[in-house]
């Protein structure tokens, strides 16, 4: 055997770590309400009328859960205790209606 062949035969085996290419799912804000196209169009027209009259407002019924969460995070609260009581009353009402 040639000297190079002997060296190659006694070389320690090396293993290289392989990384696999992975991606994560994109988390999107989802619409979770069951609405017909007619209901959506009617709500859109109502909202446009309100804006033209200068009475534009946040419509919780048209928002997705994600949009509602973002709006809640941005809400300015001056009296924390009364705000918490209001939220608890609202939650109790929704519980009685079976909306939770």
N, C-alpha and C. Protein backbone atom coordinates (compact mmCIF):
# COMPACT_ATOMS: atom_id res chain seq x y z
N UNK A 1 0.83 -1.18 0.00
CA UNK A 1 0.00 0.00 0.00
C UNK A 1 0.88 1.24 0.00
N UNK A 2 0.40 2.23 -0.66
CA UNK A 2 1.12 3.50 -0.71
C UNK A 2 0.95 4.22 0.61
N UNK A 3 1.92 5.06 1.00
CA UNK A 3 1.84 5.76 2.29
C UNK A 3 0.58 6.62 2.42
N UNK A 4 0.16 7.25 1.34
CA UNK A 4 -1.05 8.08 1.42
C UNK A 4 -2.27 7.24 1.73
N UNK A 5 -2.33 6.07 1.18
CA UNK A 5 -3.46 5.19 1.40
C UNK A 5 -3.51 4.74 2.85
N UNK A 6 -2.36 4.47 3.45
CA UNK A 6 -2.31 4.08 4.85
C UNK A 6 -2.80 5.20 5.76
N UNK A 7 -2.40 6.44 5.47
CA UNK A 7 -2.84 7.57 6.29
C UNK A 7 -4.36 7.76 6.18
N UNK A 8 -4.86 7.58 4.98
CA UNK A 8 -6.30 7.75 4.78
C UNK A 8 -7.07 6.65 5.51
N UNK A 9 -6.51 5.48 5.60
CA UNK A 9 -7.19 4.36 6.26
C UNK A 9 -7.27 4.55 7.76
N UNK A 10 -6.27 5.24 8.37
CA UNK A 10 -6.24 5.41 9.81
C UNK A 10 -6.75 6.78 10.28
N UNK A 11 -7.24 7.58 9.38
CA UNK A 11 -7.78 8.89 9.74
C UNK A 11 -9.06 8.71 10.54
N UNK A 12 -9.23 9.47 11.62
CA UNK A 12 -10.47 9.32 12.39
C UNK A 12 -11.67 9.79 11.57
N UNK A 13 -12.76 9.12 11.78
CA UNK A 13 -13.97 9.50 11.08
C UNK A 13 -14.53 10.78 11.70
N UNK A 14 -14.90 11.71 10.88
CA UNK A 14 -15.49 12.95 11.37
C UNK A 14 -16.92 13.04 10.88
N UNK A 15 -17.75 13.47 11.75
CA UNK A 15 -19.16 13.64 11.41
C UNK A 15 -19.49 15.12 11.41
N UNK A 16 -20.15 15.52 10.40
CA UNK A 16 -20.56 16.92 10.36
C UNK A 16 -22.02 17.02 10.75
N UNK A 17 -22.32 18.03 11.52
CA UNK A 17 -23.71 18.25 11.93
C UNK A 17 -24.46 18.92 10.78
N UNK A 18 -25.58 18.41 10.48
CA UNK A 18 -26.39 19.01 9.43
C UNK A 18 -27.57 19.72 10.04
N UNK A 19 -27.80 20.89 9.56
CA UNK A 19 -28.97 21.64 9.99
C UNK A 19 -30.06 21.52 8.94
N UNK A 20 -31.23 21.27 9.39
CA UNK A 20 -32.33 21.22 8.45
C UNK A 20 -32.96 22.59 8.34
N UNK A 21 -33.50 22.89 7.21
CA UNK A 21 -34.15 24.17 6.97
C UNK A 21 -35.58 24.08 7.47
N UNK A 22 -35.93 24.92 8.43
CA UNK A 22 -37.29 24.90 8.96
C UNK A 22 -37.87 26.30 8.93
N UNK A 23 -39.15 26.36 8.86
CA UNK A 23 -39.85 27.65 8.94
C UNK A 23 -40.96 27.51 9.96
N UNK A 24 -41.37 28.63 10.50
CA UNK A 24 -42.48 28.63 11.44
C UNK A 24 -43.70 29.21 10.76
N UNK A 25 -44.85 28.79 11.25
CA UNK A 25 -46.10 29.29 10.71
C UNK A 25 -46.22 30.78 10.97
N UNK A 26 -46.80 31.49 10.03
CA UNK A 26 -47.10 32.90 10.24
C UNK A 26 -48.41 32.99 11.00
N UNK A 27 -48.39 33.70 12.12
CA UNK A 27 -49.61 33.86 12.89
C UNK A 27 -50.35 35.08 12.37
N UNK A 28 -51.51 34.86 11.86
CA UNK A 28 -52.30 35.94 11.29
C UNK A 28 -53.53 36.18 12.14
N UNK A 29 -54.01 37.41 12.07
CA UNK A 29 -55.26 37.73 12.75
C UNK A 29 -56.37 37.07 11.95
N UNK A 30 -57.19 36.28 12.61
CA UNK A 30 -58.21 35.55 11.88
C UNK A 30 -59.60 36.10 12.18
N UNK A 31 -60.42 36.03 11.21
CA UNK A 31 -61.82 36.37 11.40
C UNK A 31 -62.50 35.11 11.91
N UNK A 32 -63.16 35.21 13.03
CA UNK A 32 -63.76 34.01 13.61
C UNK A 32 -65.28 34.07 13.67
N UNK A 33 -65.86 35.18 13.26
CA UNK A 33 -67.31 35.28 13.30
C UNK A 33 -67.90 34.65 12.03
N UNK A 34 -69.02 34.02 12.19
CA UNK A 34 -69.72 33.45 11.06
C UNK A 34 -70.69 34.49 10.51
N UNK A 35 -70.29 35.14 9.44
CA UNK A 35 -71.14 36.17 8.85
C UNK A 35 -71.33 35.89 7.38
N UNK A 36 -72.51 36.17 6.90
CA UNK A 36 -72.78 36.02 5.47
C UNK A 36 -72.27 37.26 4.76
N UNK A 37 -72.03 37.16 3.46
CA UNK A 37 -71.59 38.35 2.71
C UNK A 37 -72.61 39.49 2.80
N UNK A 38 -73.89 39.16 2.89
CA UNK A 38 -74.92 40.20 3.00
C UNK A 38 -74.81 40.95 4.32
N UNK A 39 -74.53 40.21 5.41
CA UNK A 39 -74.37 40.85 6.71
C UNK A 39 -73.15 41.76 6.73
N UNK A 40 -72.07 41.30 6.12
CA UNK A 40 -70.86 42.11 6.05
C UNK A 40 -71.10 43.39 5.26
N UNK A 41 -71.78 43.26 4.13
CA UNK A 41 -72.06 44.44 3.30
C UNK A 41 -72.96 45.43 4.03
N UNK A 42 -73.97 44.93 4.74
CA UNK A 42 -74.86 45.81 5.50
C UNK A 42 -74.09 46.53 6.60
N UNK A 43 -73.22 45.82 7.30
CA UNK A 43 -72.41 46.44 8.36
C UNK A 43 -71.47 47.48 7.77
N UNK A 44 -70.91 47.17 6.62
CA UNK A 44 -70.02 48.12 5.95
C UNK A 44 -70.76 49.40 5.57
N UNK A 45 -71.97 49.25 5.02
CA UNK A 45 -72.76 50.42 4.63
C UNK A 45 -73.16 51.25 5.85
N UNK A 46 -73.52 50.57 6.94
CA UNK A 46 -73.86 51.28 8.19
C UNK A 46 -72.66 52.07 8.69
N UNK A 47 -71.50 51.47 8.65
CA UNK A 47 -70.29 52.13 9.12
C UNK A 47 -69.95 53.33 8.24
N UNK A 48 -70.12 53.20 6.94
CA UNK A 48 -69.85 54.32 6.03
C UNK A 48 -70.81 55.48 6.29
N UNK A 49 -72.09 55.17 6.55
CA UNK A 49 -73.07 56.22 6.86
C UNK A 49 -72.68 56.96 8.13
N UNK A 50 -72.27 56.22 9.16
CA UNK A 50 -71.86 56.83 10.42
C UNK A 50 -70.65 57.74 10.22
N UNK A 51 -69.70 57.30 9.40
CA UNK A 51 -68.51 58.12 9.14
C UNK A 51 -68.87 59.41 8.41
N UNK A 52 -69.79 59.32 7.46
CA UNK A 52 -70.21 60.51 6.72
C UNK A 52 -70.90 61.52 7.64
N UNK A 53 -71.61 61.01 8.64
CA UNK A 53 -72.31 61.88 9.59
C UNK A 53 -71.39 62.36 10.71
N UNK A 54 -70.14 61.92 10.70
CA UNK A 54 -69.20 62.31 11.74
C UNK A 54 -69.37 61.52 13.03
N UNK A 55 -70.03 60.38 12.94
CA UNK A 55 -70.28 59.55 14.13
C UNK A 55 -69.50 58.23 14.06
N UNK A 56 -68.38 58.24 13.34
CA UNK A 56 -67.60 57.01 13.20
C UNK A 56 -67.13 56.51 14.56
N UNK A 57 -67.16 55.20 14.75
CA UNK A 57 -66.80 54.62 16.04
C UNK A 57 -66.21 53.23 15.82
N UNK A 58 -65.61 52.72 16.87
CA UNK A 58 -65.06 51.37 16.85
C UNK A 58 -66.21 50.37 16.90
N UNK A 59 -66.21 49.42 15.99
CA UNK A 59 -67.27 48.42 15.94
C UNK A 59 -66.71 47.07 16.39
N UNK A 60 -66.96 46.75 17.64
CA UNK A 60 -66.47 45.49 18.21
C UNK A 60 -67.05 44.28 17.47
N UNK A 61 -68.29 44.40 17.00
CA UNK A 61 -68.93 43.27 16.33
C UNK A 61 -68.29 42.95 14.98
N UNK A 62 -67.58 43.90 14.39
CA UNK A 62 -66.92 43.65 13.10
C UNK A 62 -65.47 43.22 13.26
N UNK A 63 -64.94 43.35 14.44
CA UNK A 63 -63.53 43.06 14.66
C UNK A 63 -63.29 41.58 14.93
N UNK A 64 -62.09 41.13 14.57
CA UNK A 64 -61.68 39.78 14.92
C UNK A 64 -61.17 39.79 16.36
N UNK A 65 -60.87 38.62 16.90
CA UNK A 65 -60.33 38.55 18.27
C UNK A 65 -59.01 39.31 18.37
N UNK A 66 -58.16 39.15 17.37
CA UNK A 66 -56.87 39.82 17.38
C UNK A 66 -57.01 41.33 17.38
N UNK A 67 -57.90 41.85 16.54
CA UNK A 67 -58.12 43.29 16.49
C UNK A 67 -58.70 43.80 17.81
N UNK A 68 -59.57 43.03 18.41
CA UNK A 68 -60.13 43.41 19.71
C UNK A 68 -59.06 43.45 20.79
N UNK A 69 -58.16 42.48 20.75
CA UNK A 69 -57.07 42.45 21.73
C UNK A 69 -56.15 43.65 21.56
N UNK A 70 -55.85 44.02 20.33
CA UNK A 70 -54.99 45.17 20.07
C UNK A 70 -55.66 46.45 20.56
N UNK A 71 -56.96 46.60 20.28
CA UNK A 71 -57.69 47.78 20.74
C UNK A 71 -57.71 47.84 22.27
N UNK A 72 -57.86 46.70 22.92
CA UNK A 72 -57.88 46.67 24.38
C UNK A 72 -56.51 47.05 24.95
N UNK A 73 -55.44 46.62 24.29
CA UNK A 73 -54.10 46.97 24.74
C UNK A 73 -53.84 48.47 24.64
N UNK A 74 -54.43 49.11 23.64
CA UNK A 74 -54.19 50.53 23.42
C UNK A 74 -55.13 51.42 24.24
N UNK A 75 -56.13 50.82 24.87
CA UNK A 75 -57.13 51.61 25.60
C UNK A 75 -56.49 52.30 26.80
N UNK A 76 -56.81 53.57 26.97
CA UNK A 76 -56.32 54.35 28.12
C UNK A 76 -57.31 54.21 29.26
N UNK A 77 -56.84 53.77 30.42
CA UNK A 77 -57.68 53.57 31.60
C UNK A 77 -57.22 54.55 32.68
N UNK A 78 -58.15 55.39 33.14
CA UNK A 78 -57.80 56.37 34.16
C UNK A 78 -58.12 55.86 35.56
N UNK A 79 -59.24 55.18 35.74
CA UNK A 79 -59.61 54.63 37.05
C UNK A 79 -59.65 53.11 36.93
N UNK A 80 -58.60 52.48 37.36
CA UNK A 80 -58.44 51.04 37.17
C UNK A 80 -59.54 50.23 37.89
N UNK A 81 -59.88 50.60 39.11
CA UNK A 81 -60.87 49.83 39.88
C UNK A 81 -62.25 49.85 39.23
N UNK A 82 -62.71 51.01 38.81
CA UNK A 82 -64.04 51.07 38.18
C UNK A 82 -64.01 50.37 36.82
N UNK A 83 -62.88 50.46 36.12
CA UNK A 83 -62.76 49.79 34.83
C UNK A 83 -62.86 48.27 35.01
N UNK A 84 -62.21 47.74 36.04
CA UNK A 84 -62.26 46.30 36.31
C UNK A 84 -63.69 45.87 36.67
N UNK A 85 -64.39 46.67 37.45
CA UNK A 85 -65.78 46.35 37.81
C UNK A 85 -66.66 46.32 36.57
N UNK A 86 -66.45 47.29 35.67
CA UNK A 86 -67.23 47.32 34.43
C UNK A 86 -66.96 46.07 33.59
N UNK A 87 -65.70 45.68 33.50
CA UNK A 87 -65.36 44.49 32.73
C UNK A 87 -65.96 43.22 33.34
N UNK A 88 -65.97 43.16 34.68
CA UNK A 88 -66.55 42.00 35.34
C UNK A 88 -68.05 41.93 35.11
N UNK A 89 -68.73 43.08 35.14
CA UNK A 89 -70.18 43.11 34.86
C UNK A 89 -70.45 42.67 33.42
N UNK A 90 -69.64 43.17 32.50
CA UNK A 90 -69.81 42.80 31.10
C UNK A 90 -69.60 41.30 30.90
N UNK A 91 -68.61 40.75 31.55
CA UNK A 91 -68.34 39.31 31.46
C UNK A 91 -69.50 38.50 32.06
N UNK A 92 -70.04 38.96 33.18
CA UNK A 92 -71.17 38.27 33.81
C UNK A 92 -72.38 38.27 32.87
N UNK A 93 -72.64 39.40 32.21
CA UNK A 93 -73.77 39.48 31.27
C UNK A 93 -73.58 38.51 30.12
N UNK A 94 -72.36 38.47 29.59
CA UNK A 94 -72.09 37.55 28.48
C UNK A 94 -72.20 36.10 28.93
N UNK A 95 -71.81 35.81 30.18
CA UNK A 95 -71.94 34.47 30.72
C UNK A 95 -73.38 34.05 30.85
N UNK A 96 -74.23 34.99 31.28
CA UNK A 96 -75.66 34.68 31.40
C UNK A 96 -76.31 34.43 30.05
N UNK A 97 -75.82 35.14 29.02
CA UNK A 97 -76.36 34.96 27.67
C UNK A 97 -75.79 33.73 26.98
N UNK A 98 -74.74 33.15 27.58
CA UNK A 98 -74.12 31.97 26.97
C UNK A 98 -73.16 32.30 25.86
N UNK A 99 -72.61 33.52 25.87
CA UNK A 99 -71.70 33.94 24.81
C UNK A 99 -70.24 33.60 25.11
N UNK A 100 -69.96 33.09 26.29
CA UNK A 100 -68.57 32.76 26.63
C UNK A 100 -68.23 31.34 26.30
